[in-house]
Amino acid sequence: MRHHRGRSVALFGSVARGDDTPESDIDFLVEFEPGSSLFDLMDLQEALGQLLGVPVDVVSVGGLKDRDDHIRREAVPI
């Protein structure tokens, strides 16, 4: 995580709620270090997908302003 400039990480979405299916992706909410770029997010998403062997989505804290409150409420820190 730190290699990709991530400070903290949480799960959200179907995996966090416990209603995931075999077709579900894994959604990660990541707080990145100041000065991080979209490339850091994309690199982390690719690395997690390869490590876990399933599709993943990585969202930065504040990255989805219209859904940020909802995501933070259901986020489970890991």
PDB file of N, CA and C in Angstrom:
ATOM      1  N   MET A   1       0.822  -1.183   0.000  1.00  0.00           N
ATOM      2  CA  MET A   1       0.000   0.000   0.000  1.00  0.00           C
ATOM      3  C   MET A   1       0.874   1.257   0.000  1.00  0.00           C
ATOM      4  N   ARG A   2       1.842   1.288   0.872  1.00  0.00           N
ATOM      5  CA  ARG A   2       2.689   2.482   0.983  1.00  0.00           C
ATOM      6  C   ARG A   2       3.505   2.714  -0.298  1.00  0.00           C
ATOM      7  N   HIS A   3       3.852   1.626  -0.982  1.00  0.00           N
ATOM      8  CA  HIS A   3       4.585   1.754  -2.245  1.00  0.00           C
ATOM      9  C   HIS A   3       3.782   2.584  -3.248  1.00  0.00           C
ATOM     10  N   HIS A   4       2.460   2.518  -3.135  1.00  0.00           N
ATOM     11  CA  HIS A   4       1.573   3.247  -4.046  1.00  0.00           C
ATOM     12  C   HIS A   4       1.042   4.532  -3.421  1.00  0.00           C
ATOM     13  N   ARG A   5       1.680   4.973  -2.323  1.00  0.00           N
ATOM     14  CA  ARG A   5       1.386   6.239  -1.653  1.00  0.00           C
ATOM     15  C   ARG A   5       0.041   6.248  -0.939  1.00  0.00           C
ATOM     16  N   GLY A   6      -0.444   5.064  -0.566  1.00  0.00           N
ATOM     17  CA  GLY A   6      -1.678   4.987   0.202  1.00  0.00           C
ATOM     18  C   GLY A   6      -1.408   5.115   1.689  1.00  0.00           C
ATOM     19  N   ARG A   7      -2.251   5.867   2.384  1.00  0.00           N
ATOM     20  CA  ARG A   7      -2.107   6.046   3.835  1.00  0.00           C
ATOM     21  C   ARG A   7      -3.020   5.107   4.607  1.00  0.00           C
ATOM     22  N   SER A   8      -4.266   5.035   4.184  1.00  0.00           N
ATOM     23  CA  SER A   8      -5.234   4.166   4.855  1.00  0.00           C
ATOM     24  C   SER A   8      -6.163   3.588   3.800  1.00  0.00           C
ATOM     25  N   VAL A   9      -6.769   2.450   4.143  1.00  0.00           N
ATOM     26  CA  VAL A   9      -7.641   1.778   3.181  1.00  0.00           C
ATOM     27  C   VAL A   9      -8.847   1.192   3.902  1.00  0.00           C
ATOM     28  N   ALA A  10      -9.973   1.205   3.213  1.00  0.00           N
ATOM     29  CA  ALA A  10     -11.205   0.622   3.736  1.00  0.00           C
ATOM     30  C   ALA A  10     -11.940  -0.053   2.586  1.00  0.00           C
ATOM     31  N   LEU A  11     -12.750  -1.032   2.925  1.00  0.00           N
ATOM     32  CA  LEU A  11     -13.633  -1.675   1.954  1.00  0.00           C
ATOM     33  C   LEU A  11     -14.970  -0.962   1.970  1.00  0.00           C
ATOM     34  N   PHE A  12     -15.626  -0.899   0.822  1.00  0.00           N
ATOM     35  CA  PHE A  12     -17.007  -0.448   0.771  1.00  0.00           C
ATOM     36  C   PHE A  12     -17.710  -1.233  -0.326  1.00  0.00           C
ATOM     37  N   GLY A  13     -18.987  -1.052  -0.471  1.00  0.00           N
ATOM     38  CA  GLY A  13     -19.732  -1.770  -1.492  1.00  0.00           C
ATOM     39  C   GLY A  13     -20.188  -3.125  -1.005  1.00  0.00           C
ATOM     40  N   SER A  14     -20.476  -4.004  -1.960  1.00  0.00           N
ATOM     41  CA  SER A  14     -21.095  -5.293  -1.636  1.00  0.00           C
ATOM     42  C   SER A  14     -20.237  -6.158  -0.723  1.00  0.00           C
ATOM     43  N   VAL A  15     -18.933  -6.131  -0.877  1.00  0.00           N
ATOM     44  CA  VAL A  15     -18.065  -6.941  -0.010  1.00  0.00           C
ATOM     45  C   VAL A  15     -18.152  -6.442   1.428  1.00  0.00           C
ATOM     46  N   ALA A  16     -18.139  -5.139   1.624  1.00  0.00           N
ATOM     47  CA  ALA A  16     -18.234  -4.566   2.972  1.00  0.00           C
ATOM     48  C   ALA A  16     -19.593  -4.855   3.603  1.00  0.00           C
ATOM     49  N   ARG A  17     -20.646  -4.864   2.790  1.00  0.00           N
ATOM     50  CA  ARG A  17     -21.995  -5.131   3.304  1.00  0.00           C
ATOM     51  C   ARG A  17     -22.258  -6.616   3.507  1.00  0.00           C
ATOM     52  N   GLY A  18     -21.440  -7.471   2.882  1.00  0.00           N
ATOM     53  CA  GLY A  18     -21.633  -8.911   2.991  1.00  0.00           C
ATOM     54  C   GLY A  18     -22.647  -9.469   2.024  1.00  0.00           C
ATOM     55  N   ASP A  19     -22.995  -8.697   0.988  1.00  0.00           N
ATOM     56  CA  ASP A  19     -23.946  -9.208   0.001  1.00  0.00           C
ATOM     57  C   ASP A  19     -23.306  -9.373  -1.380  1.00  0.00           C
ATOM     58  N   ASP A  20     -21.997  -9.638  -1.380  1.00  0.00           N
ATOM     59  CA  ASP A  20     -21.277  -9.847  -2.628  1.00  0.00           C
ATOM     60  C   ASP A  20     -21.622 -11.204  -3.222  1.00  0.00           C
ATOM     61  N   THR A  21     -21.399 -11.320  -4.516  1.00  0.00           N
ATOM     62  CA  THR A  21     -21.608 -12.562  -5.260  1.00  0.00           C
ATOM     63  C   THR A  21     -20.285 -12.931  -5.927  1.00  0.00           C
ATOM     64  N   PRO A  22     -20.198 -14.115  -6.527  1.00  0.00           N
ATOM     65  CA  PRO A  22     -18.953 -14.472  -7.229  1.00  0.00           C
ATOM     66  C   PRO A  22     -18.587 -13.489  -8.350  1.00  0.00           C
ATOM     67  N   GLU A  23     -19.555 -12.749  -8.859  1.00  0.00           N
ATOM     68  CA  GLU A  23     -19.295 -11.786  -9.932  1.00  0.00           C
ATOM     69  C   GLU A  23     -18.929 -10.397  -9.415  1.00  0.00           C
ATOM     70  N   SER A  24     -18.993 -10.202  -8.112  1.00  0.00           N
ATOM     71  CA  SER A  24     -18.744  -8.875  -7.537  1.00  0.00           C
ATOM     72  C   SER A  24     -17.277  -8.479  -7.633  1.00  0.00           C
ATOM     73  N   ASP A  25     -17.071  -7.178  -7.788  1.00  0.00           N
ATOM     74  CA  ASP A  25     -15.718  -6.651  -7.660  1.00  0.00           C
ATOM     75  C   ASP A  25     -15.507  -6.266  -6.199  1.00  0.00           C
ATOM     76  N   ILE A  26     -14.298  -5.858  -5.872  1.00  0.00           N
ATOM     77  CA  ILE A  26     -13.996  -5.396  -4.521  1.00  0.00           C
ATOM     78  C   ILE A  26     -13.704  -3.906  -4.614  1.00  0.00           C
ATOM     79  N   ASP A  27     -14.414  -3.133  -3.800  1.00  0.00           N
ATOM     80  CA  ASP A  27     -14.277  -1.681  -3.806  1.00  0.00           C
ATOM     81  C   ASP A  27     -13.423  -1.233  -2.623  1.00  0.00           C
ATOM     82  N   PHE A  28     -12.385  -0.468  -2.917  1.00  0.00           N
ATOM     83  CA  PHE A  28     -11.482   0.051  -1.895  1.00  0.00           C
ATOM     84  C   PHE A  28     -11.570   1.571  -1.855  1.00  0.00           C
ATOM     85  N   LEU A  29     -11.666   2.109  -0.651  1.00  0.00           N
ATOM     86  CA  LEU A  29     -11.584   3.549  -0.427  1.00  0.00           C
ATOM     87  C   LEU A  29     -10.205   3.817   0.160  1.00  0.00           C
ATOM     88  N   VAL A  30      -9.406   4.623  -0.522  1.00  0.00           N
ATOM     89  CA  VAL A  30      -8.013   4.830  -0.118  1.00  0.00           C
ATOM     90  C   VAL A  30      -7.753   6.315   0.116  1.00  0.00           C
ATOM     91  N   GLU A  31      -7.118   6.600   1.234  1.00  0.00           N
ATOM     92  CA  GLU A  31      -6.608   7.947   1.476  1.00  0.00           C
ATOM     93  C   GLU A  31      -5.156   7.947   1.013  1.00  0.00           C
ATOM     94  N   PHE A  32      -4.870   8.752   0.016  1.00  0.00           N
ATOM     95  CA  PHE A  32      -3.522   8.834  -0.537  1.00  0.00           C
ATOM     96  C   PHE A  32      -2.742   9.965   0.122  1.00  0.00           C
ATOM     97  N   GLU A  33      -1.429   9.847   0.092  1.00  0.00           N
ATOM     98  CA  GLU A  33      -0.547  10.898   0.596  1.00  0.00           C
ATOM     99  C   GLU A  33      -0.719  12.157  -0.249  1.00  0.00           C
ATOM    100  N   PRO A  34      -0.512  13.331   0.350  1.00  0.00           N
ATOM    101  CA  PRO A  34      -0.545  14.570  -0.440  1.00  0.00           C
ATOM    102  C   PRO A  34       0.447  14.485  -1.598  1.00  0.00           C
ATOM    103  N   GLY A  35       0.053  15.020  -2.721  1.00  0.00           N
ATOM    104  CA  GLY A  35       0.915  15.003  -3.895  1.00  0.00           C
ATOM    105  C   GLY A  35       0.778  13.760  -4.748  1.00  0.00           C
ATOM    106  N   SER A  36      -0.072  12.824  -4.328  1.00  0.00           N
ATOM    107  CA  SER A  36      -0.295  11.619  -5.129  1.00  0.00           C
ATOM    108  C   SER A  36      -1.067  11.988  -6.388  1.00  0.00           C
ATOM    109  N   SER A  37      -0.930  11.140  -7.387  1.00  0.00           N
ATOM    110  CA  SER A  37      -1.574  11.423  -8.669  1.00  0.00           C
ATOM    111  C   SER A  37      -2.531  10.303  -9.051  1.00  0.00           C
ATOM    112  N   LEU A  38      -3.231  10.532 -10.137  1.00  0.00           N
ATOM    113  CA  LEU A  38      -4.111   9.505 -10.684  1.00  0.00           C
ATOM    114  C   LEU A  38      -3.314   8.254 -11.046  1.00  0.00           C
ATOM    115  N   PHE A  39      -2.063   8.420 -11.416  1.00  0.00           N
ATOM    116  CA  PHE A  39      -1.219   7.270 -11.744  1.00  0.00           C
ATOM    117  C   PHE A  39      -1.004   6.378 -10.520  1.00  0.00           C
ATOM    118  N   ASP A  40      -0.858   6.982  -9.335  1.00  0.00           N
ATOM    119  CA  ASP A  40      -0.724   6.191  -8.106  1.00  0.00           C
ATOM    120  C   ASP A  40      -1.981   5.358  -7.881  1.00  0.00           C
ATOM    121  N   LEU A  41      -3.150   5.966  -8.068  1.00  0.00           N
ATOM    122  CA  LEU A  41      -4.411   5.249  -7.912  1.00  0.00           C
ATOM    123  C   LEU A  41      -4.506   4.106  -8.917  1.00  0.00           C
ATOM    124  N   MET A  42      -4.203   4.378 -10.170  1.00  0.00           N
ATOM    125  CA  MET A  42      -4.298   3.351 -11.208  1.00  0.00           C
ATOM    126  C   MET A  42      -3.309   2.216 -10.963  1.00  0.00           C
ATOM    127  N   ASP A  43      -2.096   2.543 -10.541  1.00  0.00           N
ATOM    128  CA  ASP A  43      -1.095   1.512 -10.240  1.00  0.00           C
ATOM    129  C   ASP A  43      -1.551   0.634  -9.083  1.00  0.00           C
ATOM    130  N   LEU A  44      -2.126   1.253  -8.043  1.00  0.00           N
ATOM    131  CA  LEU A  44      -2.619   0.483  -6.903  1.00  0.00           C
ATOM    132  C   LEU A  44      -3.772  -0.416  -7.319  1.00  0.00           C
ATOM    133  N   GLN A  45      -4.681   0.105  -8.122  1.00  0.00           N
ATOM    134  CA  GLN A  45      -5.815  -0.696  -8.586  1.00  0.00           C
ATOM    135  C   GLN A  45      -5.334  -1.913  -9.372  1.00  0.00           C
ATOM    136  N   GLU A  46      -4.376  -1.724 -10.245  1.00  0.00           N
ATOM    137  CA  GLU A  46      -3.834  -2.839 -11.029  1.00  0.00           C
ATOM    138  C   GLU A  46      -3.138  -3.856 -10.124  1.00  0.00           C
ATOM    139  N   ALA A  47      -2.335  -3.377  -9.177  1.00  0.00           N
ATOM    140  CA  ALA A  47      -1.612  -4.278  -8.272  1.00  0.00           C
ATOM    141  C   ALA A  47      -2.577  -5.094  -7.415  1.00  0.00           C
ATOM    142  N   LEU A  48      -3.621  -4.450  -6.885  1.00  0.00           N
ATOM    143  CA  LEU A  48      -4.596  -5.182  -6.068  1.00  0.00           C
ATOM    144  C   LEU A  48      -5.352  -6.209  -6.899  1.00  0.00           C
ATOM    145  N   GLY A  49      -5.718  -5.850  -8.116  1.00  0.00           N
ATOM    146  CA  GLY A  49      -6.410  -6.790  -8.995  1.00  0.00           C
ATOM    147  C   GLY A  49      -5.565  -8.017  -9.289  1.00  0.00           C
ATOM    148  N   GLN A  50      -4.285  -7.813  -9.540  1.00  0.00           N
ATOM    149  CA  GLN A  50      -3.390  -8.939  -9.805  1.00  0.00           C
ATOM    150  C   GLN A  50      -3.189  -9.783  -8.554  1.00  0.00           C
ATOM    151  N   LEU A  51      -3.034  -9.135  -7.411  1.00  0.00           N
ATOM    152  CA  LEU A  51      -2.817  -9.840  -6.156  1.00  0.00           C
ATOM    153  C   LEU A  51      -4.033 -10.673  -5.759  1.00  0.00           C
ATOM    154  N   LEU A  52      -5.211 -10.095  -5.897  1.00  0.00           N
ATOM    155  CA  LEU A  52      -6.435 -10.757  -5.442  1.00  0.00           C
ATOM    156  C   LEU A  52      -7.084 -11.631  -6.510  1.00  0.00           C
ATOM    157  N   GLY A  53      -6.758 -11.398  -7.763  1.00  0.00           N
ATOM    158  CA  GLY A  53      -7.304 -12.213  -8.840  1.00  0.00           C
ATOM    159  C   GLY A  53      -8.765 -11.939  -9.150  1.00  0.00           C
ATOM    160  N   VAL A  54      -9.256 -10.778  -8.746  1.00  0.00           N
ATOM    161  CA  VAL A  54     -10.638 -10.368  -9.036  1.00  0.00           C
ATOM    162  C   VAL A  54     -10.621  -8.899  -9.440  1.00  0.00           C
ATOM    163  N   PRO A  55     -11.668  -8.446 -10.128  1.00  0.00           N
ATOM    164  CA  PRO A  55     -11.725  -7.019 -10.459  1.00  0.00           C
ATOM    165  C   PRO A  55     -11.828  -6.169  -9.193  1.00  0.00           C
ATOM    166  N   VAL A  56     -11.122  -5.060  -9.176  1.00  0.00           N
ATOM    167  CA  VAL A  56     -11.180  -4.139  -8.038  1.00  0.00           C
ATOM    168  C   VAL A  56     -11.402  -2.721  -8.552  1.00  0.00           C
ATOM    169  N   ASP A  57     -12.021  -1.919  -7.712  1.00  0.00           N
ATOM    170  CA  ASP A  57     -12.142  -0.486  -7.950  1.00  0.00           C
ATOM    171  C   ASP A  57     -11.483   0.216  -6.779  1.00  0.00           C
ATOM    172  N   VAL A  58     -10.670   1.201  -7.081  1.00  0.00           N
ATOM    173  CA  VAL A  58     -10.043   2.012  -6.043  1.00  0.00           C
ATOM    174  C   VAL A  58     -10.570   3.432  -6.197  1.00  0.00           C
ATOM    175  N   VAL A  59     -11.089   3.960  -5.099  1.00  0.00           N
ATOM    176  CA  VAL A  59     -11.612   5.323  -5.064  1.00  0.00           C
ATOM    177  C   VAL A  59     -10.821   6.084  -4.013  1.00  0.00           C
ATOM    178  N   SER A  60     -10.379   7.281  -4.359  1.00  0.00           N
ATOM    179  CA  SER A  60      -9.667   8.089  -3.369  1.00  0.00           C
ATOM    180  C   SER A  60     -10.675   8.827  -2.495  1.00  0.00           C
ATOM    181  N   VAL A  61     -10.298   9.056  -1.247  1.00  0.00           N
ATOM    182  CA  VAL A  61     -11.150   9.812  -0.338  1.00  0.00           C
ATOM    183  C   VAL A  61     -11.446  11.162  -0.988  1.00  0.00           C
ATOM    184  N   GLY A  62     -12.710  11.492  -1.109  1.00  0.00           N
ATOM    185  CA  GLY A  62     -13.115  12.732  -1.761  1.00  0.00           C
ATOM    186  C   GLY A  62     -13.197  12.630  -3.268  1.00  0.00           C
ATOM    187  N   GLY A  63     -12.883  11.462  -3.816  1.00  0.00           N
ATOM    188  CA  GLY A  63     -12.866  11.292  -5.265  1.00  0.00           C
ATOM    189  C   GLY A  63     -14.233  11.226  -5.910  1.00  0.00           C
ATOM    190  N   LEU A  64     -15.237  10.848  -5.152  1.00  0.00           N
ATOM    191  CA  LEU A  64     -16.609  10.795  -5.661  1.00  0.00           C
ATOM    192  C   LEU A  64     -17.461  11.710  -4.790  1.00  0.00           C
ATOM    193  N   LYS A  65     -17.282  12.984  -4.951  1.00  0.00           N
ATOM    194  CA  LYS A  65     -17.896  13.960  -4.054  1.00  0.00           C
ATOM    195  C   LYS A  65     -19.398  13.755  -3.868  1.00  0.00           C
ATOM    196  N   ASP A  66     -20.111  13.388  -4.921  1.00  0.00           N
ATOM    197  CA  ASP A  66     -21.558  13.210  -4.801  1.00  0.00           C
ATOM    198  C   ASP A  66     -21.930  11.966  -3.995  1.00  0.00           C
ATOM    199  N   ARG A  67     -21.032  11.016  -3.844  1.00  0.00           N
ATOM    200  CA  ARG A  67     -21.310   9.788  -3.094  1.00  0.00           C
ATOM    201  C   ARG A  67     -20.407   9.627  -1.878  1.00  0.00           C
ATOM    202  N   ASP A  68     -19.570  10.609  -1.599  1.00  0.00           N
ATOM    203  CA  ASP A  68     -18.551  10.479  -0.559  1.00  0.00           C
ATOM    204  C   ASP A  68     -19.146  10.156   0.811  1.00  0.00           C
ATOM    205  N   ASP A  69     -20.210  10.840   1.213  1.00  0.00           N
ATOM    206  CA  ASP A  69     -20.814  10.576   2.526  1.00  0.00           C
ATOM    207  C   ASP A  69     -21.328   9.148   2.616  1.00  0.00           C
ATOM    208  N   HIS A  70     -21.999   8.690   1.570  1.00  0.00           N
ATOM    209  CA  HIS A  70     -22.535   7.320   1.548  1.00  0.00           C
ATOM    210  C   HIS A  70     -21.399   6.297   1.639  1.00  0.00           C
ATOM    211  N   ILE A  71     -20.356   6.504   0.872  1.00  0.00           N
ATOM    212  CA  ILE A  71     -19.218   5.578   0.869  1.00  0.00           C
ATOM    213  C   ILE A  71     -18.555   5.550   2.241  1.00  0.00           C
ATOM    214  N   ARG A  72     -18.339   6.702   2.842  1.00  0.00           N
ATOM    215  CA  ARG A  72     -17.690   6.755   4.160  1.00  0.00           C
ATOM    216  C   ARG A  72     -18.526   6.062   5.235  1.00  0.00           C
ATOM    217  N   ARG A  73     -19.856   6.167   5.152  1.00  0.00           N
ATOM    218  CA  ARG A  73     -20.720   5.528   6.150  1.00  0.00           C
ATOM    219  C   ARG A  73     -20.610   4.011   6.108  1.00  0.00           C
ATOM    220  N   GLU A  74     -20.497   3.450   4.910  1.00  0.00           N
ATOM    221  CA  GLU A  74     -20.452   1.989   4.826  1.00  0.00           C
ATOM    222  C   GLU A  74     -19.032   1.430   4.794  1.00  0.00           C
ATOM    223  N   ALA A  75     -18.031   2.294   4.757  1.00  0.00           N
ATOM    224  CA  ALA A  75     -16.640   1.841   4.668  1.00  0.00           C
ATOM    225  C   ALA A  75     -16.212   1.100   5.933  1.00  0.00           C
ATOM    226  N   VAL A  76     -15.477   0.003   5.711  1.00  0.00           N
ATOM    227  CA  VAL A  76     -14.946  -0.825   6.796  1.00  0.00           C
ATOM    228  C   VAL A  76     -13.420  -0.765   6.716  1.00  0.00           C
ATOM    229  N   PRO A  77     -12.770  -0.094   7.674  1.00  0.00           N
ATOM    230  CA  PRO A  77     -11.302  -0.004   7.633  1.00  0.00           C
ATOM    231  C   PRO A  77     -10.653  -1.390   7.685  1.00  0.00           C
ATOM    232  N   ILE A  78      -9.579  -1.544   6.919  1.00  0.00           N
ATOM    233  CA  ILE A  78      -8.835  -2.816   6.953  1.00  0.00           C
ATOM    234  C   ILE A  78      -7.368  -2.532   7.200  1.00  0.00           C
TER     235      ILE A  78
END
